[in-house]
Amino acid sequence: MADTFELVALGLPAGFAPDALPDAVKRLVADCWPGMSRAQLLARARRLALQPSLRAAVDHPGAAAPGETGLFSLTLLADGVALRLIAHLRRVKRRRQSARPVKGSKPPARDPRQGDLF
């Protein structure tokens, strides 16, 4: 069974300006919320035709134990240009199987006055 990860934060590499992001990537970042699953993150990126690839960061081993946060490289292909974001993901403890299915994480209610996440 694959491990479950949840999003803690998204970040840009050092020296990269948020204004330089393509609109589709800005939309993806705006649609993300802390606690969303890895599968939800990748599904939203695919829905925006960003061809996502999520791998453990080269100089970081990722989250080793449940509850730990690891750094992952989220590579997106927008307008023919590869763009790398840094995804902070937390490994979630495995739960015992219960009779009721666990509900997925839902996006929080958004205030229309809320600005960009960057």
C-alpha atoms as a PDB file:
ATOM      1  CA  MET A   1       0.000   0.000   0.000  1.00  0.00           C
ATOM      2  CA  ALA A   2       1.382   3.428  -0.951  1.00  0.00           C
ATOM      3  CA  ASP A   3       2.135   5.988   1.713  1.00  0.00           C
ATOM      4  CA  THR A   4      -0.231   8.907   2.160  1.00  0.00           C
ATOM      5  CA  PHE A   5       1.119  12.440   2.032  1.00  0.00           C
ATOM      6  CA  GLU A   6      -0.624  15.757   2.686  1.00  0.00           C
ATOM      7  CA  LEU A   7       0.408  19.196   1.486  1.00  0.00           C
ATOM      8  CA  VAL A   8       1.880  21.571   4.057  1.00  0.00           C
ATOM      9  CA  ALA A   9       3.114  24.361   1.750  1.00  0.00           C
ATOM     10  CA  LEU A  10       4.278  25.180  -1.762  1.00  0.00           C
ATOM     11  CA  GLY A  11       7.340  27.309  -2.399  1.00  0.00           C
ATOM     12  CA  LEU A  12       9.417  28.755  -5.193  1.00  0.00           C
ATOM     13  CA  PRO A  13      13.130  28.130  -5.689  1.00  0.00           C
ATOM     14  CA  ALA A  14      15.418  30.908  -4.438  1.00  0.00           C
ATOM     15  CA  GLY A  15      15.724  33.823  -6.835  1.00  0.00           C
ATOM     16  CA  PHE A  16      12.463  33.111  -8.695  1.00  0.00           C
ATOM     17  CA  ALA A  17       9.871  35.905  -8.767  1.00  0.00           C
ATOM     18  CA  PRO A  18       6.195  34.954  -8.235  1.00  0.00           C
ATOM     19  CA  ASP A  19       5.197  37.403 -10.982  1.00  0.00           C
ATOM     20  CA  ALA A  20       7.110  35.302 -13.528  1.00  0.00           C
ATOM     21  CA  LEU A  21       4.785  32.305 -13.059  1.00  0.00           C
ATOM     22  CA  PRO A  22       2.456  31.379 -15.943  1.00  0.00           C
ATOM     23  CA  ASP A  23      -1.267  31.895 -15.288  1.00  0.00           C
ATOM     24  CA  ALA A  24      -1.998  28.145 -15.121  1.00  0.00           C
ATOM     25  CA  VAL A  25       0.597  27.693 -12.353  1.00  0.00           C
ATOM     26  CA  LYS A  26      -0.775  30.695 -10.445  1.00  0.00           C
ATOM     27  CA  ARG A  27      -4.240  29.106 -10.700  1.00  0.00           C
ATOM     28  CA  LEU A  28      -2.877  25.803  -9.355  1.00  0.00           C
ATOM     29  CA  VAL A  29      -1.221  27.513  -6.386  1.00  0.00           C
ATOM     30  CA  ALA A  30      -4.413  29.468  -5.647  1.00  0.00           C
ATOM     31  CA  ASP A  31      -6.447  26.223  -5.718  1.00  0.00           C
ATOM     32  CA  CYS A  32      -4.179  24.414  -3.228  1.00  0.00           C
ATOM     33  CA  TRP A  33      -4.775  24.320   0.521  1.00  0.00           C
ATOM     34  CA  PRO A  34      -2.858  22.899   3.490  1.00  0.00           C
ATOM     35  CA  GLY A  35      -3.988  19.342   4.165  1.00  0.00           C
ATOM     36  CA  MET A  36      -4.866  18.381   0.588  1.00  0.00           C
ATOM     37  CA  SER A  37      -3.569  14.973  -0.402  1.00  0.00           C
ATOM     38  CA  ARG A  38      -0.764  14.283  -2.832  1.00  0.00           C
ATOM     39  CA  ALA A  39      -3.281  12.697  -5.206  1.00  0.00           C
ATOM     40  CA  GLN A  40      -5.505  15.803  -5.095  1.00  0.00           C
ATOM     41  CA  LEU A  41      -2.512  18.043  -5.843  1.00  0.00           C
ATOM     42  CA  LEU A  42      -1.474  15.970  -8.857  1.00  0.00           C
ATOM     43  CA  ALA A  43      -5.068  15.665 -10.110  1.00  0.00           C
ATOM     44  CA  ARG A  44      -5.528  19.453 -10.044  1.00  0.00           C
ATOM     45  CA  ALA A  45      -2.245  19.956 -11.899  1.00  0.00           C
ATOM     46  CA  ARG A  46      -3.297  17.398 -14.531  1.00  0.00           C
ATOM     47  CA  ARG A  47      -6.683  19.099 -14.876  1.00  0.00           C
ATOM     48  CA  LEU A  48      -4.836  22.325 -15.750  1.00  0.00           C
ATOM     49  CA  ALA A  49      -2.726  20.383 -18.330  1.00  0.00           C
ATOM     50  CA  LEU A  50       0.533  21.024 -16.441  1.00  0.00           C
ATOM     51  CA  GLN A  51       1.939  17.457 -16.755  1.00  0.00           C
ATOM     52  CA  PRO A  52       3.077  17.226 -13.103  1.00  0.00           C
ATOM     53  CA  SER A  53       5.958  15.145 -11.793  1.00  0.00           C
ATOM     54  CA  LEU A  54       6.503  14.825  -8.027  1.00  0.00           C
ATOM     55  CA  ARG A  55       9.812  13.437  -6.742  1.00  0.00           C
ATOM     56  CA  ALA A  56      11.763  13.626  -3.495  1.00  0.00           C
ATOM     57  CA  ALA A  57      14.177  16.572  -3.596  1.00  0.00           C
ATOM     58  CA  VAL A  58      17.714  15.577  -4.566  1.00  0.00           C
ATOM     59  CA  ASP A  59      19.422  16.883  -1.431  1.00  0.00           C
ATOM     60  CA  HIS A  60      16.594  15.826   0.934  1.00  0.00           C
ATOM     61  CA  PRO A  61      15.482  12.240   1.549  1.00  0.00           C
ATOM     62  CA  GLY A  62      11.790  13.123   1.929  1.00  0.00           C
ATOM     63  CA  ALA A  63       9.580  12.306   4.903  1.00  0.00           C
ATOM     64  CA  ALA A  64      10.912   9.150   6.528  1.00  0.00           C
ATOM     65  CA  ALA A  65       8.507   8.596   9.428  1.00  0.00           C
ATOM     66  CA  PRO A  66       4.806   9.382   9.877  1.00  0.00           C
ATOM     67  CA  GLY A  67       4.314  12.974  10.972  1.00  0.00           C
ATOM     68  CA  GLU A  68       7.585  14.166   9.416  1.00  0.00           C
ATOM     69  CA  THR A  69       7.635  16.785   6.676  1.00  0.00           C
ATOM     70  CA  GLY A  70       9.830  16.306   3.620  1.00  0.00           C
ATOM     71  CA  LEU A  71      10.775  18.412   0.624  1.00  0.00           C
ATOM     72  CA  PHE A  72       9.640  17.255  -2.793  1.00  0.00           C
ATOM     73  CA  SER A  73      10.268  18.670  -6.249  1.00  0.00           C
ATOM     74  CA  LEU A  74       7.032  19.377  -8.139  1.00  0.00           C
ATOM     75  CA  THR A  75       7.929  19.833 -11.804  1.00  0.00           C
ATOM     76  CA  LEU A  76       5.250  21.346 -14.034  1.00  0.00           C
ATOM     77  CA  LEU A  77       5.284  21.856 -17.796  1.00  0.00           C
ATOM     78  CA  ALA A  78       3.538  25.150 -18.611  1.00  0.00           C
ATOM     79  CA  ASP A  79       3.607  26.663 -22.100  1.00  0.00           C
ATOM     80  CA  GLY A  80       6.434  24.307 -23.073  1.00  0.00           C
ATOM     81  CA  VAL A  81       8.641  25.475 -20.186  1.00  0.00           C
ATOM     82  CA  ALA A  82       9.518  23.220 -17.242  1.00  0.00           C
ATOM     83  CA  LEU A  83       8.971  24.943 -13.895  1.00  0.00           C
ATOM     84  CA  ARG A  84      10.019  23.505 -10.538  1.00  0.00           C
ATOM     85  CA  LEU A  85       8.134  24.237  -7.311  1.00  0.00           C
ATOM     86  CA  ILE A  86       9.107  23.001  -3.863  1.00  0.00           C
ATOM     87  CA  ALA A  87       6.327  21.029  -2.172  1.00  0.00           C
ATOM     88  CA  HIS A  88       6.467  20.465   1.578  1.00  0.00           C
ATOM     89  CA  LEU A  89       4.571  17.213   2.201  1.00  0.00           C
ATOM     90  CA  ARG A  90       3.857  15.500   5.524  1.00  0.00           C
ATOM     91  CA  ARG A  91       3.625  11.719   5.736  1.00  0.00           C
ATOM     92  CA  VAL A  92       0.315  10.749   7.319  1.00  0.00           C
ATOM     93  CA  LYS A  93       0.058   7.848   9.728  1.00  0.00           C
ATOM     94  CA  ARG A  94      -1.663   4.801   8.346  1.00  0.00           C
ATOM     95  CA  ARG A  95      -5.042   4.210   9.897  1.00  0.00           C
ATOM     96  CA  ARG A  96      -6.665   0.935  10.712  1.00  0.00           C
ATOM     97  CA  GLN A  97      -9.400  -0.072   8.329  1.00  0.00           C
ATOM     98  CA  SER A  98     -12.765   1.001   9.661  1.00  0.00           C
ATOM     99  CA  ALA A  99     -16.279   0.225   8.558  1.00  0.00           C
ATOM    100  CA  ARG A 100     -16.781   3.779   7.295  1.00  0.00           C
ATOM    101  CA  PRO A 101     -14.637   5.246   4.526  1.00  0.00           C
ATOM    102  CA  VAL A 102     -12.500   8.242   5.448  1.00  0.00           C
ATOM    103  CA  LYS A 103     -13.645  11.478   3.830  1.00  0.00           C
ATOM    104  CA  GLY A 104     -11.106  13.302   1.678  1.00  0.00           C
ATOM    105  CA  SER A 105      -9.850  16.764   2.452  1.00  0.00           C
ATOM    106  CA  LYS A 106     -12.117  19.526   1.129  1.00  0.00           C
ATOM    107  CA  PRO A 107     -10.920  23.001   0.160  1.00  0.00           C
ATOM    108  CA  PRO A 108     -11.658  25.657   2.779  1.00  0.00           C
ATOM    109  CA  ALA A 109     -14.138  28.428   2.060  1.00  0.00           C
ATOM    110  CA  ARG A 110     -12.392  31.296   0.273  1.00  0.00           C
ATOM    111  CA  ASP A 111     -12.877  34.975   0.981  1.00  0.00           C
ATOM    112  CA  PRO A 112     -13.165  36.755  -2.402  1.00  0.00           C
ATOM    113  CA  ARG A 113     -11.041  39.583  -0.998  1.00  0.00           C
ATOM    114  CA  GLN A 114      -8.157  37.178  -0.361  1.00  0.00           C
ATOM    115  CA  GLY A 115      -5.056  38.041  -2.369  1.00  0.00           C
ATOM    116  CA  ASP A 116      -2.544  35.778  -4.013  1.00  0.00           C
ATOM    117  CA  LEU A 117      -0.715  33.234  -1.889  1.00  0.00           C
ATOM    118  CA  PHE A 118       2.637  34.677  -2.927  1.00  0.00           C
END
